[in-house]
Amino acid sequence: MIKSKAWDWDKNEIDYWLVPTTEASFLAESWQSKGYSKFLDLGCGLGRHSMYFAKQGYEVSAIDLSESGINHLRSWAKEEQMEIQIEQGDMLKLPFPDETFHCIMAYNVIYHTDTKGFIKSLKEITRILKRNGELFITLNSKNSTAYDNADKYVRVDKNTILRDEHDTERNIPHFYVDIEDIKKYFSDYEFVKIPVEEIEYYDIHNTNKFSRHFKLLLRKK
């Protein structure tokens, strides 16, 4: 199993990672309607979703391996007087008791490992999520051009490559799945949203280059 590697957020040059994704507002409303209150931002990065959910009244915990990301969130939360439990830690060994959270968001996070690491991280998520709690997660699709051209990268295993397009993610592993993988790995969950969504992201300057991600909303059985 490959050792976890943190993003270097000190090299980030864009504000994109400070703005909550469009799914955040839907999830906040949906989870509030179900009486969920304890939220984990897994792989919080700079803290955009931690801050958003805290402002919606959730009891928020945030964790990331990156020291630069965690320091940024601590400063941001202090500046805006938001109470957030912030931890620096590895997704392969989460520092939370069993069945702690009603809802977990892992946006572009747990695919930054190899196959064994993904399985271990998912087991940790399942452990700390309450029964009938919900998980929103994004995953790399094997239909992405990077996976189709994996011979250009260092391959870790049949599902994982090391990518190096940007300094923030230099040699960070990227794990890829297809629909059959999803059905296999998430057998302990029910799909809240069907069909599973697969989104394409194109390079505006080179439309032959694109990435595809699955977006899954799941409920623990």
Protein backbone atom coordinates (compact mmCIF):
# COMPACT_ATOMS: atom_id res chain seq x y z
CA MET A 1 0.00 0.00 0.00
CA ILE A 2 1.38 3.36 -1.03
CA LYS A 3 2.15 5.96 1.65
CA SER A 4 -0.28 8.88 1.73
CA LYS A 5 1.07 12.13 0.28
CA ALA A 6 -0.29 15.58 1.11
CA TRP A 7 -1.11 18.34 -1.37
CA ASP A 8 1.17 21.34 -1.13
CA TRP A 9 -1.42 24.10 -0.80
CA ASP A 10 1.30 26.74 -0.49
CA LYS A 11 1.71 26.36 -4.27
CA ASN A 12 -1.97 26.94 -5.01
CA GLU A 13 -2.54 30.03 -7.18
CA ILE A 14 -6.32 30.01 -7.80
CA ASP A 15 -9.39 30.83 -5.71
CA TYR A 16 -11.39 27.87 -7.04
CA TRP A 17 -10.52 25.78 -3.99
CA LEU A 18 -11.96 28.42 -1.64
CA VAL A 19 -15.49 28.32 -3.12
CA PRO A 20 -17.94 25.56 -2.08
CA THR A 21 -19.02 23.23 -4.85
CA THR A 22 -22.58 23.34 -6.20
CA GLU A 23 -23.38 20.08 -4.39
CA ALA A 24 -22.70 21.63 -0.98
CA SER A 25 -25.93 23.63 -0.83
CA PHE A 26 -28.04 20.65 -1.91
CA LEU A 27 -26.40 18.37 0.64
CA ALA A 28 -26.70 20.89 3.47
CA GLU A 29 -30.45 21.29 2.84
CA SER A 30 -31.03 17.57 2.35
CA TRP A 31 -29.12 16.50 5.42
CA GLN A 32 -30.74 19.13 7.63
CA SER A 33 -34.17 17.86 6.54
CA LYS A 34 -33.13 14.40 7.81
CA GLY A 35 -32.01 15.75 11.18
CA TYR A 36 -28.30 15.23 10.53
CA SER A 37 -26.00 17.52 12.49
CA LYS A 38 -22.52 15.95 12.82
CA PHE A 39 -20.63 16.56 9.57
CA LEU A 40 -17.11 15.51 8.55
CA ASP A 41 -15.21 17.27 5.78
CA LEU A 42 -12.81 14.48 4.86
CA GLY A 43 -9.80 15.82 3.01
CA CYS A 44 -10.86 19.38 3.73
CA GLY A 45 -8.08 21.05 1.75
CA LEU A 46 -8.25 24.79 2.40
CA GLY A 47 -11.58 24.38 4.19
CA ARG A 48 -14.25 25.59 1.75
CA HIS A 49 -16.83 22.95 2.72
CA SER A 50 -15.97 23.04 6.42
CA MET A 51 -16.69 26.75 6.51
CA TYR A 52 -19.86 26.43 4.46
CA PHE A 53 -21.39 23.69 6.62
CA ALA A 54 -20.39 25.48 9.83
CA LYS A 55 -22.28 28.55 8.61
CA GLN A 56 -25.32 26.34 7.98
CA GLY A 57 -25.32 25.33 11.65
CA TYR A 58 -23.65 21.93 11.44
CA GLU A 59 -21.30 20.54 14.08
CA VAL A 60 -18.28 20.36 11.79
CA SER A 61 -15.11 18.31 11.95
CA ALA A 62 -12.39 18.66 9.32
CA ILE A 63 -9.36 16.54 8.59
CA ASP A 64 -6.57 16.70 6.04
CA LEU A 65 -3.03 15.39 5.71
CA SER A 66 -1.74 18.73 4.44
CA GLU A 67 -0.25 20.99 7.11
CA SER A 68 -0.57 24.03 4.83
CA GLY A 69 -4.26 23.29 4.22
CA ILE A 70 -5.00 22.78 7.91
CA ASN A 71 -3.19 25.99 8.87
CA HIS A 72 -5.21 27.91 6.29
CA LEU A 73 -8.51 26.56 7.64
CA ARG A 74 -7.54 27.32 11.25
CA SER A 75 -6.80 30.94 10.33
CA TRP A 76 -9.98 31.23 8.25
CA ALA A 77 -12.19 29.77 11.00
CA LYS A 78 -10.64 32.05 13.61
CA GLU A 79 -11.12 35.10 11.40
CA GLU A 80 -14.80 34.33 10.85
CA GLN A 81 -15.33 33.02 14.41
CA MET A 82 -16.48 29.58 13.30
CA GLU A 83 -16.16 26.64 15.68
CA ILE A 84 -14.70 23.72 13.73
CA GLN A 85 -12.87 20.69 15.11
CA ILE A 86 -9.76 20.62 12.93
CA GLU A 87 -7.38 17.65 12.74
CA GLN A 88 -4.29 16.94 10.72
CA GLY A 89 -4.38 13.26 9.89
CA ASP A 90 -4.35 10.44 7.37
CA MET A 91 -7.51 9.09 5.73
CA LEU A 92 -6.06 5.59 6.15
CA LYS A 93 -6.40 5.88 9.94
CA LEU A 94 -9.07 8.36 10.94
CA PRO A 95 -8.88 9.61 14.57
CA PHE A 96 -12.61 9.36 15.31
CA PRO A 97 -14.67 6.81 17.28
CA ASP A 98 -17.01 4.38 15.55
CA GLU A 99 -20.29 5.82 14.26
CA THR A 100 -19.44 9.44 15.03
CA PHE A 101 -20.91 11.25 12.02
CA HIS A 102 -24.33 11.60 10.42
CA CYS A 103 -22.85 12.73 7.12
CA ILE A 104 -19.46 12.81 5.41
CA MET A 105 -18.27 14.68 2.33
CA ALA A 106 -15.13 13.48 0.55
CA TYR A 107 -14.75 15.68 -2.51
CA ASN A 108 -11.84 14.66 -4.76
CA VAL A 109 -10.14 12.96 -1.83
CA ILE A 110 -10.00 9.21 -1.32
CA TYR A 111 -8.92 8.43 -4.85
CA HIS A 112 -5.52 9.93 -3.96
CA THR A 113 -4.14 6.53 -3.03
CA ASP A 114 -3.74 3.10 -4.59
CA THR A 115 -6.24 0.22 -4.64
CA LYS A 116 -5.30 -1.11 -1.20
CA GLY A 117 -5.35 2.39 0.25
CA PHE A 118 -8.77 3.11 -1.25
CA ILE A 119 -10.22 -0.04 0.29
CA LYS A 120 -8.70 0.81 3.69
CA SER A 121 -9.90 4.42 3.58
CA LEU A 122 -13.42 3.34 2.64
CA LYS A 123 -13.45 0.92 5.56
CA GLU A 124 -12.46 3.78 7.87
CA ILE A 125 -15.27 5.94 6.47
CA THR A 126 -17.77 3.13 6.97
CA ARG A 127 -16.54 2.66 10.54
CA ILE A 128 -17.01 6.29 11.61
CA LEU A 129 -20.30 6.88 9.75
CA LYS A 130 -23.49 6.23 11.71
CA ARG A 131 -25.91 3.59 10.51
CA ASN A 132 -28.27 5.21 7.97
CA GLY A 133 -25.79 8.07 7.69
CA GLU A 134 -24.91 9.39 4.25
CA LEU A 135 -21.70 9.78 2.28
CA PHE A 136 -21.09 12.06 -0.69
CA ILE A 137 -17.97 11.08 -2.58
CA THR A 138 -16.32 11.76 -5.92
CA LEU A 139 -14.17 9.24 -7.75
CA ASN A 140 -11.98 9.26 -10.86
CA SER A 141 -13.52 7.42 -13.81
CA LYS A 142 -11.52 5.01 -15.94
CA ASN A 143 -13.06 6.83 -18.93
CA SER A 144 -10.70 9.78 -18.29
CA THR A 145 -8.00 10.47 -20.87
CA ALA A 146 -5.28 10.24 -18.21
CA TYR A 147 -6.25 6.65 -17.45
CA ASP A 148 -6.54 5.83 -21.16
CA ASN A 149 -2.98 7.13 -21.57
CA ALA A 150 -1.59 5.69 -18.37
CA ASP A 151 1.63 4.67 -20.13
CA LYS A 152 2.66 8.35 -19.90
CA TYR A 153 2.67 8.14 -16.11
CA VAL A 154 4.17 5.96 -13.40
CA ARG A 155 1.73 3.11 -12.77
CA VAL A 156 1.33 1.97 -9.15
CA ASP A 157 -1.17 -0.84 -9.79
CA LYS A 158 -3.76 -1.63 -12.47
CA ASN A 159 -6.11 1.06 -11.13
CA THR A 160 -3.60 3.71 -10.01
CA ILE A 161 -1.16 6.13 -11.63
CA LEU A 162 1.05 8.96 -10.35
CA ARG A 163 0.23 12.29 -12.00
CA ASP A 164 2.32 15.44 -12.08
CA GLU A 165 0.48 18.12 -14.08
CA HIS A 166 0.65 20.68 -11.31
CA ASP A 167 3.06 21.40 -8.47
CA THR A 168 0.33 21.08 -5.83
CA GLU A 169 -0.13 17.39 -6.66
CA ARG A 170 3.34 16.33 -7.75
CA ASN A 171 3.53 12.50 -7.76
CA ILE A 172 0.28 12.13 -5.84
CA PRO A 173 -1.50 8.85 -6.70
CA HIS A 174 -4.80 8.84 -8.61
CA PHE A 175 -7.02 5.76 -8.29
CA TYR A 176 -9.64 5.07 -11.00
CA VAL A 177 -12.90 3.08 -11.03
CA ASP A 178 -15.68 1.99 -13.36
CA ILE A 179 -19.29 1.04 -12.65
CA GLU A 180 -18.41 -2.55 -11.79
CA ASP A 181 -15.81 -1.34 -9.29
CA ILE A 182 -18.38 0.95 -7.69
CA LYS A 183 -20.87 -1.88 -7.25
CA LYS A 184 -18.15 -4.03 -5.70
CA TYR A 185 -16.62 -1.50 -3.33
CA PHE A 186 -19.87 0.03 -2.07
CA SER A 187 -21.77 -3.15 -1.21
CA ASP A 188 -22.28 -1.87 2.37
CA TYR A 189 -24.24 1.13 1.03
CA GLU A 190 -27.50 1.95 -0.70
CA PHE A 191 -27.47 4.46 -3.53
CA VAL A 192 -29.49 7.52 -2.53
CA LYS A 193 -29.22 9.04 -5.98
CA ILE A 194 -29.77 6.84 -9.03
CA PRO A 195 -28.48 6.88 -11.70
CA VAL A 196 -24.89 7.43 -10.66
CA GLU A 197 -23.64 10.70 -12.13
CA GLU A 198 -20.54 10.78 -14.34
CA ILE A 199 -19.30 14.30 -15.14
CA GLU A 200 -16.83 15.38 -17.83
CA TYR A 201 -14.33 18.22 -17.33
CA TYR A 202 -12.61 19.50 -20.46
CA ASP A 203 -9.43 21.48 -20.92
CA ILE A 204 -10.78 24.56 -22.75
CA HIS A 205 -7.54 24.84 -24.71
CA ASN A 206 -7.42 21.16 -25.65
CA THR A 207 -10.82 19.45 -25.84
CA ASN A 208 -9.15 16.13 -26.59
CA LYS A 209 -8.03 16.16 -22.97
CA PHE A 210 -10.73 15.62 -20.36
CA SER A 211 -11.33 14.00 -17.00
CA ARG A 212 -14.41 12.19 -15.84
CA HIS A 213 -15.56 11.85 -12.27
CA PHE A 214 -18.30 9.83 -10.62
CA LYS A 215 -20.41 11.62 -8.02
CA LEU A 216 -22.02 9.24 -5.53
CA LEU A 217 -24.53 9.88 -2.75
CA LEU A 218 -24.80 6.80 -0.57
CA ARG A 219 -26.46 5.68 2.65
CA LYS A 220 -24.81 3.23 5.03
CA LYS A 221 -26.95 0.12 5.53
